[in-house]
Amino acid sequence: MKIGFAGVPKSIDNDIPFVDSTFGFETCCEEAGKFITSGYLEATGIIDGIGLIKVMGRHSGYIAMMAALCNSQCDFCIIPENPWELAGPNGLIAQVYERMQE
């Protein structure tokens, strides 16, 4: 007996090779975008306010990256897999300070 089989990958992280989009990824990015907007509104409500949003993920920063790219109120997006500095002249603290001065 011949049986047809179709595998449907499910991962909100959208990190399955050779798959364009997985179930839940778009919804997750939309919800993360709402949190970014909320953080922006809270941060602009006070002088020198900073909004910090942490977005979950399994091994990759697809959700954080897509949510930040789709939201114009996000100034910085840190992806754990990419190296970055916290202190120093090119570090995140200096860049946040410079952005606040603008």
C-alpha atoms as a PDB file:
ATOM      1  CA  MET A   1       0.000   0.000   0.000  1.00  0.00           C
ATOM      2  CA  LYS A   2       1.454   3.337  -1.029  1.00  0.00           C
ATOM      3  CA  ILE A   3       1.113   6.151   1.523  1.00  0.00           C
ATOM      4  CA  GLY A   4       1.835   9.833   0.907  1.00  0.00           C
ATOM      5  CA  PHE A   5       3.540  11.738   3.716  1.00  0.00           C
ATOM      6  CA  ALA A   6       4.029  15.445   4.250  1.00  0.00           C
ATOM      7  CA  GLY A   7       6.067  16.844   7.122  1.00  0.00           C
ATOM      8  CA  VAL A   8       5.039  20.237   8.429  1.00  0.00           C
ATOM      9  CA  PRO A   9       7.821  21.905  10.434  1.00  0.00           C
ATOM     10  CA  LYS A  10       6.760  23.904  13.468  1.00  0.00           C
ATOM     11  CA  SER A  11       9.130  26.309  15.155  1.00  0.00           C
ATOM     12  CA  ILE A  12       8.412  29.919  16.046  1.00  0.00           C
ATOM     13  CA  ASP A  13      12.140  30.619  15.717  1.00  0.00           C
ATOM     14  CA  ASN A  14      12.025  30.127  11.918  1.00  0.00           C
ATOM     15  CA  ASP A  15      15.397  28.390  12.097  1.00  0.00           C
ATOM     16  CA  ILE A  16      14.694  25.198  10.137  1.00  0.00           C
ATOM     17  CA  PRO A  17      16.960  24.884   7.084  1.00  0.00           C
ATOM     18  CA  PHE A  18      15.339  24.943   3.616  1.00  0.00           C
ATOM     19  CA  VAL A  19      12.015  26.250   5.004  1.00  0.00           C
ATOM     20  CA  ASP A  20      10.928  29.784   4.115  1.00  0.00           C
ATOM     21  CA  SER A  21       8.582  30.328   7.046  1.00  0.00           C
ATOM     22  CA  THR A  22       7.340  28.236   9.959  1.00  0.00           C
ATOM     23  CA  PHE A  23       4.039  28.321  11.827  1.00  0.00           C
ATOM     24  CA  GLY A  24       3.843  30.988  14.518  1.00  0.00           C
ATOM     25  CA  PHE A  25       6.817  33.052  13.358  1.00  0.00           C
ATOM     26  CA  GLU A  26       4.810  35.952  11.936  1.00  0.00           C
ATOM     27  CA  THR A  27       2.505  36.055  14.959  1.00  0.00           C
ATOM     28  CA  CYS A  28       5.479  36.009  17.306  1.00  0.00           C
ATOM     29  CA  CYS A  29       7.135  38.895  15.430  1.00  0.00           C
ATOM     30  CA  GLU A  30       3.886  40.902  15.527  1.00  0.00           C
ATOM     31  CA  GLU A  31       3.584  40.406  19.288  1.00  0.00           C
ATOM     32  CA  ALA A  32       7.247  41.307  19.830  1.00  0.00           C
ATOM     33  CA  GLY A  33       6.644  44.465  17.769  1.00  0.00           C
ATOM     34  CA  LYS A  34       3.811  45.412  20.129  1.00  0.00           C
ATOM     35  CA  PHE A  35       6.184  45.087  23.084  1.00  0.00           C
ATOM     36  CA  ILE A  36       8.788  47.238  21.323  1.00  0.00           C
ATOM     37  CA  THR A  37       6.160  49.927  20.751  1.00  0.00           C
ATOM     38  CA  SER A  38       5.078  49.710  24.405  1.00  0.00           C
ATOM     39  CA  GLY A  39       8.686  50.007  25.583  1.00  0.00           C
ATOM     40  CA  TYR A  40       9.197  53.029  23.335  1.00  0.00           C
ATOM     41  CA  LEU A  41       6.085  54.750  24.678  1.00  0.00           C
ATOM     42  CA  GLU A  42       7.108  54.069  28.280  1.00  0.00           C
ATOM     43  CA  ALA A  43      10.670  55.309  27.652  1.00  0.00           C
ATOM     44  CA  THR A  44       9.541  58.547  25.988  1.00  0.00           C
ATOM     45  CA  GLY A  45       7.220  59.275  28.904  1.00  0.00           C
ATOM     46  CA  ILE A  46      10.126  60.397  31.106  1.00  0.00           C
ATOM     47  CA  ILE A  47      13.296  62.408  30.599  1.00  0.00           C
ATOM     48  CA  ASP A  48      16.238  60.236  29.451  1.00  0.00           C
ATOM     49  CA  GLY A  49      14.059  57.122  29.526  1.00  0.00           C
ATOM     50  CA  ILE A  50      15.318  53.864  28.059  1.00  0.00           C
ATOM     51  CA  GLY A  51      13.086  50.984  27.015  1.00  0.00           C
ATOM     52  CA  LEU A  52      14.646  47.529  27.066  1.00  0.00           C
ATOM     53  CA  ILE A  53      12.852  44.548  25.541  1.00  0.00           C
ATOM     54  CA  LYS A  54      14.137  40.963  25.704  1.00  0.00           C
ATOM     55  CA  VAL A  55      12.746  38.620  23.066  1.00  0.00           C
ATOM     56  CA  MET A  56      12.987  34.871  23.557  1.00  0.00           C
ATOM     57  CA  GLY A  57      14.431  32.466  21.063  1.00  0.00           C
ATOM     58  CA  ARG A  58      15.991  29.043  20.959  1.00  0.00           C
ATOM     59  CA  HIS A  59      19.311  29.334  19.116  1.00  0.00           C
ATOM     60  CA  SER A  60      19.015  32.287  16.792  1.00  0.00           C
ATOM     61  CA  GLY A  61      17.934  35.904  16.837  1.00  0.00           C
ATOM     62  CA  TYR A  62      15.399  35.711  13.998  1.00  0.00           C
ATOM     63  CA  ILE A  63      12.478  36.877  16.135  1.00  0.00           C
ATOM     64  CA  ALA A  64      14.387  39.780  17.673  1.00  0.00           C
ATOM     65  CA  MET A  65      15.878  40.780  14.321  1.00  0.00           C
ATOM     66  CA  MET A  66      12.601  40.704  12.392  1.00  0.00           C
ATOM     67  CA  ALA A  67      10.677  42.479  15.150  1.00  0.00           C
ATOM     68  CA  ALA A  68      13.347  45.214  15.307  1.00  0.00           C
ATOM     69  CA  LEU A  69      13.463  45.615  11.517  1.00  0.00           C
ATOM     70  CA  CYS A  70       9.683  45.878  11.279  1.00  0.00           C
ATOM     71  CA  ASN A  71       9.438  48.483  14.026  1.00  0.00           C
ATOM     72  CA  SER A  72      10.797  51.988  13.431  1.00  0.00           C
ATOM     73  CA  GLN A  73      11.033  52.739  17.158  1.00  0.00           C
ATOM     74  CA  CYS A  74      13.841  50.257  17.828  1.00  0.00           C
ATOM     75  CA  ASP A  75      17.320  51.792  17.964  1.00  0.00           C
ATOM     76  CA  PHE A  76      19.416  48.755  18.906  1.00  0.00           C
ATOM     77  CA  CYS A  77      18.987  45.022  18.478  1.00  0.00           C
ATOM     78  CA  ILE A  78      21.509  42.713  20.133  1.00  0.00           C
ATOM     79  CA  ILE A  79      21.748  39.201  18.719  1.00  0.00           C
ATOM     80  CA  PRO A  80      23.517  36.835  21.155  1.00  0.00           C
ATOM     81  CA  GLU A  81      25.236  34.876  18.364  1.00  0.00           C
ATOM     82  CA  ASN A  82      26.981  38.006  17.071  1.00  0.00           C
ATOM     83  CA  PRO A  83      29.882  39.427  19.092  1.00  0.00           C
ATOM     84  CA  TRP A  84      29.318  42.849  20.660  1.00  0.00           C
ATOM     85  CA  GLU A  85      30.952  45.017  23.305  1.00  0.00           C
ATOM     86  CA  LEU A  86      29.264  46.537  26.315  1.00  0.00           C
ATOM     87  CA  ALA A  87      31.937  49.056  27.341  1.00  0.00           C
ATOM     88  CA  GLY A  88      34.526  51.028  25.412  1.00  0.00           C
ATOM     89  CA  PRO A  89      34.329  53.718  22.729  1.00  0.00           C
ATOM     90  CA  ASN A  90      32.391  51.478  20.333  1.00  0.00           C
ATOM     91  CA  GLY A  91      30.453  49.657  23.018  1.00  0.00           C
ATOM     92  CA  LEU A  92      26.711  49.572  23.534  1.00  0.00           C
ATOM     93  CA  ILE A  93      26.784  51.949  26.514  1.00  0.00           C
ATOM     94  CA  ALA A  94      28.583  54.642  24.483  1.00  0.00           C
ATOM     95  CA  GLN A  95      26.174  54.202  21.575  1.00  0.00           C
ATOM     96  CA  VAL A  96      23.118  54.429  23.850  1.00  0.00           C
ATOM     97  CA  TYR A  97      24.543  57.571  25.446  1.00  0.00           C
ATOM     98  CA  GLU A  98      25.168  59.108  22.018  1.00  0.00           C
ATOM     99  CA  ARG A  99      21.638  58.229  20.891  1.00  0.00           C
ATOM    100  CA  MET A 100      20.160  59.808  24.017  1.00  0.00           C
ATOM    101  CA  GLN A 101      22.068  63.018  23.310  1.00  0.00           C
ATOM    102  CA  GLU A 102      20.495  63.190  19.858  1.00  0.00           C
END
